[in-house]
Amino acid sequence: MSELNKNESSTAGLQDDIAALKRDVAGLIEHLKLGATTGVQSASDHLDDGAHRVCRNVAAEGERAAQAISRQVEAQPLMALLVALAVGYLGGRMLSR
């Protein structure tokens, strides 16, 4: 009979251990979910900041290029007109094919 009591107590101990293990695994899964969500959000914010920075840099570079072209056209209007005519002619020839 004492053997039966030992088996029952060890079975009860195992069941308690399994229940504790289930709780620990569930807690670990929740922790991993939270960590993954936080990591993805952080990466998303970092990429968003990088994209905004690149966009600002491209806009600033475009503005500088437009100003340089404007100064060049003001300095040499006849040359700018001839270049524009040549580009238009070549573009028209290429599109007509």
N, C-alpha and C. Protein backbone atom coordinates (compact mmCIF):
# COMPACT_ATOMS: atom_id res chain seq x y z
N MET A 1 0.81 -1.18 0.00
CA MET A 1 0.00 0.00 0.00
C MET A 1 0.86 1.26 0.00
N SER A 2 1.98 1.21 0.69
CA SER A 2 2.85 2.37 0.73
C SER A 2 3.41 2.66 -0.67
N GLU A 3 3.60 1.62 -1.46
CA GLU A 3 4.06 1.81 -2.85
C GLU A 3 3.02 2.59 -3.63
N LEU A 4 1.76 2.32 -3.44
CA LEU A 4 0.68 3.01 -4.13
C LEU A 4 0.67 4.49 -3.72
N ASN A 5 0.85 4.78 -2.46
CA ASN A 5 0.90 6.16 -1.98
C ASN A 5 2.09 6.91 -2.58
N LYS A 6 3.24 6.21 -2.70
CA LYS A 6 4.42 6.83 -3.30
C LYS A 6 4.17 7.18 -4.76
N ASN A 7 3.52 6.25 -5.48
CA ASN A 7 3.21 6.48 -6.89
C ASN A 7 2.23 7.64 -7.06
N GLU A 8 1.23 7.68 -6.20
CA GLU A 8 0.26 8.77 -6.27
C GLU A 8 0.91 10.11 -5.95
N SER A 9 1.78 10.14 -4.96
CA SER A 9 2.42 11.40 -4.60
C SER A 9 3.41 11.83 -5.69
N SER A 10 4.10 10.86 -6.31
CA SER A 10 4.99 11.24 -7.39
C SER A 10 4.22 11.68 -8.61
N THR A 11 3.05 11.05 -8.87
CA THR A 11 2.22 11.48 -9.98
C THR A 11 1.69 12.89 -9.72
N ALA A 12 1.28 13.16 -8.51
CA ALA A 12 0.80 14.50 -8.16
C ALA A 12 1.94 15.52 -8.29
N GLY A 13 3.13 15.15 -7.86
CA GLY A 13 4.29 16.03 -8.00
C GLY A 13 4.61 16.31 -9.46
N LEU A 14 4.53 15.27 -10.29
CA LEU A 14 4.77 15.46 -11.73
C LEU A 14 3.72 16.36 -12.34
N GLN A 15 2.47 16.18 -11.94
CA GLN A 15 1.40 17.03 -12.48
C GLN A 15 1.62 18.49 -12.08
N ASP A 16 2.05 18.70 -10.84
CA ASP A 16 2.35 20.07 -10.40
C ASP A 16 3.51 20.65 -11.20
N ASP A 17 4.54 19.83 -11.41
CA ASP A 17 5.69 20.29 -12.19
C ASP A 17 5.29 20.61 -13.63
N ILE A 18 4.45 19.78 -14.23
CA ILE A 18 3.98 20.01 -15.60
C ILE A 18 3.16 21.29 -15.67
N ALA A 19 2.30 21.51 -14.68
CA ALA A 19 1.50 22.73 -14.65
C ALA A 19 2.41 23.97 -14.53
N ALA A 20 3.44 23.88 -13.68
CA ALA A 20 4.38 24.98 -13.52
C ALA A 20 5.15 25.21 -14.82
N LEU A 21 5.53 24.12 -15.47
CA LEU A 21 6.25 24.23 -16.73
C LEU A 21 5.37 24.90 -17.80
N LYS A 22 4.09 24.53 -17.84
CA LYS A 22 3.17 25.15 -18.79
C LYS A 22 3.07 26.66 -18.54
N ARG A 23 2.98 27.05 -17.27
CA ARG A 23 2.91 28.48 -16.94
C ARG A 23 4.20 29.20 -17.36
N ASP A 24 5.32 28.57 -17.11
CA ASP A 24 6.61 29.17 -17.48
C ASP A 24 6.74 29.32 -18.99
N VAL A 25 6.34 28.29 -19.73
CA VAL A 25 6.41 28.35 -21.19
C VAL A 25 5.47 29.42 -21.72
N ALA A 26 4.26 29.51 -21.16
CA ALA A 26 3.31 30.54 -21.59
C ALA A 26 3.88 31.93 -21.31
N GLY A 27 4.50 32.11 -20.15
CA GLY A 27 5.12 33.39 -19.83
C GLY A 27 6.27 33.71 -20.77
N LEU A 28 7.06 32.70 -21.10
CA LEU A 28 8.17 32.90 -22.03
C LEU A 28 7.67 33.28 -23.41
N ILE A 29 6.62 32.64 -23.87
CA ILE A 29 6.04 32.96 -25.18
C ILE A 29 5.53 34.40 -25.20
N GLU A 30 4.86 34.82 -24.14
CA GLU A 30 4.37 36.20 -24.06
C GLU A 30 5.54 37.19 -24.06
N HIS A 31 6.59 36.83 -23.33
CA HIS A 31 7.78 37.69 -23.29
C HIS A 31 8.41 37.79 -24.68
N LEU A 32 8.50 36.69 -25.40
CA LEU A 32 9.06 36.69 -26.75
C LEU A 32 8.20 37.50 -27.70
N LYS A 33 6.87 37.37 -27.56
CA LYS A 33 5.97 38.16 -28.41
C LYS A 33 6.18 39.65 -28.17
N LEU A 34 6.26 40.03 -26.91
CA LEU A 34 6.46 41.43 -26.57
C LEU A 34 7.80 41.92 -27.10
N GLY A 35 8.84 41.11 -26.95
CA GLY A 35 10.17 41.49 -27.43
C GLY A 35 10.18 41.62 -28.94
N ALA A 36 9.52 40.70 -29.64
CA ALA A 36 9.48 40.76 -31.10
C ALA A 36 8.71 41.98 -31.56
N THR A 37 7.59 42.26 -30.91
CA THR A 37 6.78 43.43 -31.26
C THR A 37 7.57 44.71 -31.04
N THR A 38 8.26 44.78 -29.92
CA THR A 38 9.07 45.97 -29.62
C THR A 38 10.21 46.11 -30.62
N GLY A 39 10.84 44.99 -30.97
CA GLY A 39 11.93 45.03 -31.94
C GLY A 39 11.46 45.47 -33.31
N VAL A 40 10.32 44.97 -33.74
CA VAL A 40 9.77 45.34 -35.04
C VAL A 40 9.40 46.82 -35.05
N GLN A 41 8.80 47.28 -33.97
CA GLN A 41 8.42 48.70 -33.88
C GLN A 41 9.66 49.58 -33.93
N SER A 42 10.70 49.17 -33.20
CA SER A 42 11.94 49.94 -33.19
C SER A 42 12.57 49.99 -34.58
N ALA A 43 12.60 48.84 -35.26
CA ALA A 43 13.16 48.79 -36.61
C ALA A 43 12.33 49.64 -37.57
N SER A 44 11.02 49.59 -37.41
CA SER A 44 10.14 50.38 -38.26
C SER A 44 10.38 51.88 -38.05
N ASP A 45 10.52 52.28 -36.80
CA ASP A 45 10.79 53.69 -36.50
C ASP A 45 12.13 54.12 -37.09
N HIS A 46 13.12 53.24 -36.97
CA HIS A 46 14.46 53.54 -37.49
C HIS A 46 14.41 53.70 -39.01
N LEU A 47 13.71 52.79 -39.68
CA LEU A 47 13.58 52.88 -41.14
C LEU A 47 12.81 54.13 -41.55
N ASP A 48 11.77 54.45 -40.80
CA ASP A 48 10.97 55.65 -41.09
C ASP A 48 11.83 56.90 -40.98
N ASP A 49 12.64 56.97 -39.91
CA ASP A 49 13.53 58.12 -39.75
C ASP A 49 14.54 58.19 -40.89
N GLY A 50 15.07 57.05 -41.28
CA GLY A 50 16.03 57.01 -42.39
C GLY A 50 15.40 57.45 -43.69
N ALA A 51 14.17 57.00 -43.93
CA ALA A 51 13.48 57.39 -45.17
C ALA A 51 13.22 58.89 -45.21
N HIS A 52 12.82 59.45 -44.08
CA HIS A 52 12.59 60.90 -44.03
C HIS A 52 13.89 61.67 -44.27
N ARG A 53 14.98 61.16 -43.69
CA ARG A 53 16.27 61.82 -43.87
C ARG A 53 16.70 61.78 -45.33
N VAL A 54 16.53 60.63 -45.97
CA VAL A 54 16.89 60.50 -47.38
C VAL A 54 16.02 61.43 -48.23
N CYS A 55 14.74 61.48 -47.93
CA CYS A 55 13.83 62.35 -48.68
C CYS A 55 14.24 63.81 -48.55
N ARG A 56 14.58 64.23 -47.34
CA ARG A 56 15.02 65.61 -47.14
C ARG A 56 16.32 65.89 -47.90
N ASN A 57 17.25 64.92 -47.88
CA ASN A 57 18.52 65.11 -48.60
C ASN A 57 18.29 65.20 -50.10
N VAL A 58 17.42 64.36 -50.64
CA VAL A 58 17.13 64.39 -52.07
C VAL A 58 16.46 65.71 -52.45
N ALA A 59 15.53 66.16 -51.63
CA ALA A 59 14.85 67.43 -51.91
C ALA A 59 15.85 68.59 -51.88
N ALA A 60 16.75 68.57 -50.90
CA ALA A 60 17.74 69.65 -50.81
C ALA A 60 18.69 69.60 -52.00
N GLU A 61 19.11 68.42 -52.40
CA GLU A 61 20.00 68.29 -53.56
C GLU A 61 19.29 68.74 -54.84
N GLY A 62 18.03 68.40 -54.99
CA GLY A 62 17.25 68.85 -56.14
C GLY A 62 17.12 70.35 -56.18
N GLU A 63 16.92 70.94 -55.02
CA GLU A 63 16.82 72.40 -54.94
C GLU A 63 18.14 73.05 -55.34
N ARG A 64 19.26 72.48 -54.86
CA ARG A 64 20.57 73.03 -55.23
C ARG A 64 20.81 72.90 -56.74
N ALA A 65 20.43 71.75 -57.31
CA ALA A 65 20.61 71.55 -58.75
C ALA A 65 19.76 72.53 -59.55
N ALA A 66 18.53 72.76 -59.11
CA ALA A 66 17.65 73.70 -59.81
C ALA A 66 18.22 75.11 -59.74
N GLN A 67 18.78 75.49 -58.60
CA GLN A 67 19.38 76.81 -58.47
C GLN A 67 20.61 76.94 -59.37
N ALA A 68 21.41 75.88 -59.45
CA ALA A 68 22.61 75.92 -60.31
C ALA A 68 22.21 76.05 -61.77
N ILE A 69 21.20 75.31 -62.18
CA ILE A 69 20.72 75.41 -63.57
C ILE A 69 20.17 76.79 -63.84
N SER A 70 19.43 77.34 -62.88
CA SER A 70 18.87 78.68 -63.04
C SER A 70 19.97 79.72 -63.20
N ARG A 71 21.02 79.61 -62.39
CA ARG A 71 22.14 80.56 -62.53
C ARG A 71 22.82 80.41 -63.89
N GLN A 72 22.96 79.16 -64.35
CA GLN A 72 23.62 78.92 -65.64
C GLN A 72 22.77 79.49 -66.78
N VAL A 73 21.46 79.32 -66.70
CA VAL A 73 20.57 79.86 -67.75
C VAL A 73 20.62 81.38 -67.75
N GLU A 74 20.66 81.99 -66.57
CA GLU A 74 20.75 83.45 -66.49
C GLU A 74 22.09 83.95 -67.02
N ALA A 75 23.15 83.18 -66.78
CA ALA A 75 24.48 83.60 -67.22
C ALA A 75 24.64 83.43 -68.72
N GLN A 76 24.07 82.37 -69.30
CA GLN A 76 24.23 82.10 -70.73
C GLN A 76 22.89 81.71 -71.34
N PRO A 77 22.00 82.66 -71.56
CA PRO A 77 20.66 82.33 -72.05
C PRO A 77 20.65 81.76 -73.46
N LEU A 78 21.53 82.23 -74.34
CA LEU A 78 21.56 81.73 -75.70
C LEU A 78 22.00 80.26 -75.74
N MET A 79 23.02 79.93 -74.97
CA MET A 79 23.49 78.54 -74.90
C MET A 79 22.39 77.64 -74.32
N ALA A 80 21.69 78.11 -73.29
CA ALA A 80 20.61 77.32 -72.70
C ALA A 80 19.51 77.06 -73.71
N LEU A 81 19.19 78.07 -74.53
CA LEU A 81 18.18 77.91 -75.57
C LEU A 81 18.62 76.88 -76.61
N LEU A 82 19.86 76.95 -77.03
CA LEU A 82 20.38 76.00 -78.02
C LEU A 82 20.39 74.56 -77.46
N VAL A 83 20.78 74.41 -76.21
CA VAL A 83 20.78 73.08 -75.58
C VAL A 83 19.35 72.55 -75.48
N ALA A 84 18.41 73.40 -75.11
CA ALA A 84 17.01 72.98 -75.00
C ALA A 84 16.46 72.56 -76.37
N LEU A 85 16.80 73.31 -77.41
CA LEU A 85 16.36 72.95 -78.77
C LEU A 85 16.96 71.61 -79.20
N ALA A 86 18.23 71.41 -78.92
CA ALA A 86 18.89 70.16 -79.31
C ALA A 86 18.28 68.97 -78.57
N VAL A 87 18.04 69.11 -77.30
CA VAL A 87 17.44 68.03 -76.51
C VAL A 87 16.03 67.76 -77.01
N GLY A 88 15.27 68.79 -77.31
CA GLY A 88 13.91 68.60 -77.82
C GLY A 88 13.91 67.92 -79.17
N TYR A 89 14.83 68.32 -80.04
CA TYR A 89 14.92 67.70 -81.37
C TYR A 89 15.27 66.22 -81.25
N LEU A 90 16.30 65.91 -80.46
CA LEU A 90 16.71 64.50 -80.29
C LEU A 90 15.60 63.67 -79.64
N GLY A 91 14.94 64.25 -78.66
CA GLY A 91 13.83 63.55 -78.02
C GLY A 91 12.71 63.27 -78.99
N GLY A 92 12.40 64.24 -79.83
CA GLY A 92 11.34 64.07 -80.84
C GLY A 92 11.71 63.00 -81.87
N ARG A 93 12.96 62.99 -82.25
CA ARG A 93 13.42 61.97 -83.22
C ARG A 93 13.35 60.57 -82.61
N MET A 94 13.71 60.44 -81.35
CA MET A 94 13.69 59.13 -80.70
C MET A 94 12.26 58.64 -80.48
N LEU A 95 11.36 59.53 -80.16
CA LEU A 95 9.97 59.14 -79.93
C LEU A 95 9.22 58.85 -81.21
N SER A 96 9.65 59.42 -82.32
CA SER A 96 8.95 59.20 -83.57
C SER A 96 9.22 57.81 -84.14
N ARG A 97 10.20 57.13 -83.65
CA ARG A 97 10.53 55.79 -84.15
C ARG A 97 9.61 54.78 -83.62
